[in-house]
């Protein structure tokens, strides 16, 4: 059995047992492992919490068992007692990059920070960021999370539910499945039922310090099972819409004031281009209404030397209930009718990706013509 006792195998074993991912059996393994460490090294201590500490302990144990075949056999049996389906929390890829054009939001950041750092007091740490589409809720979450790696050494886990809007909402069990994948659980080891997935999620995060961000959530049901039971896990839920009935600290993301809206335009388009468009600023700020996405669209038009607002923007946007809808409507009127038709038909398909052949099929035009329209 000696060949299975390696430094790598020991380090991985210490990590899995220390994580408690094996459930009730894991608790018994924790006691057995502690006793085996004491017998091998002559002293005992809690299992290490970091990867470096686990590797250091693994090397110490390996040096001893290399010279003692009896102890090597005992360790081999212990390693093989770990269930094959045991899962271990892995830090994963972390959060997506934050936008480089982030502006203001200091009061919102303070509210999120306060909830993440408050004394637990038996209450789970959960915050719900909400605001109308395009206002910048996701940007706030990613900007804040980018500076929190030291606070959450066991990982930052991000799941985007954007592909499940409207009638195609991602089911709660599927949300858990996506999160477990981010946490390092192999797809074939993810339980089939929502209840079992929730149990595995709680087992993986027990005693851990981790950040969980669920972006573009639509309902409380999607995220209720993710409310942490351990005090050092922080759940940050992001909704592009109104707040829903979730037991959480509600943090509204308001429109950008005009001063900060101009700052955002300058960061995207540059000071010179914003200065040249000075006469358009009052109308532009009024139409964008502090919506970060609408402001970035307008700034992109400045970069291409176009007027920040289309000529018919006044009439178009007065009919709009949302600045993003107004900008898109105004921009689409600048397209040729056949191109606008193709875009709308393709959107009806609800496809995750589009190429010229698929777009041509939808609009009943040749792929080459569809490619020119998409360009």
Foldseek 3Di string as FASTA:
>chain_A
DLVCQDLVLQLVLLQLLLLQQQPPVSVVLQVVVQVLLCVQVVDGDHRDDDSVSSSVSSVSSCVRCVVPVVSSVVVVVSSVVRDPLRDAFAQFDADDAADPLDFDCPVLLVLLVCLLPPDCPQPFREEEEEDAPQLQQVNSVNVSRVPCCVLFVSYEFEDEQVLQPDPRGDAQQVLLLNRVVRRPRDNVSQDPDSVSSLVSLQSNCAPGQYEYEYEQHDAQRNCQSVRHSHHRYHYYYYHNHDDYPHPHHYRYRAADPLVRLLSSLCVQQNPVLCVVLVVCSVVQCVLQVRRNRLSNQLSVCSNVVHRSFDPCLVVQSVPDPHSVVSRVVRVLVVADPLLSVLVVQVVVVSDPDDALVRSCVSSVHDSVVSRVSVD
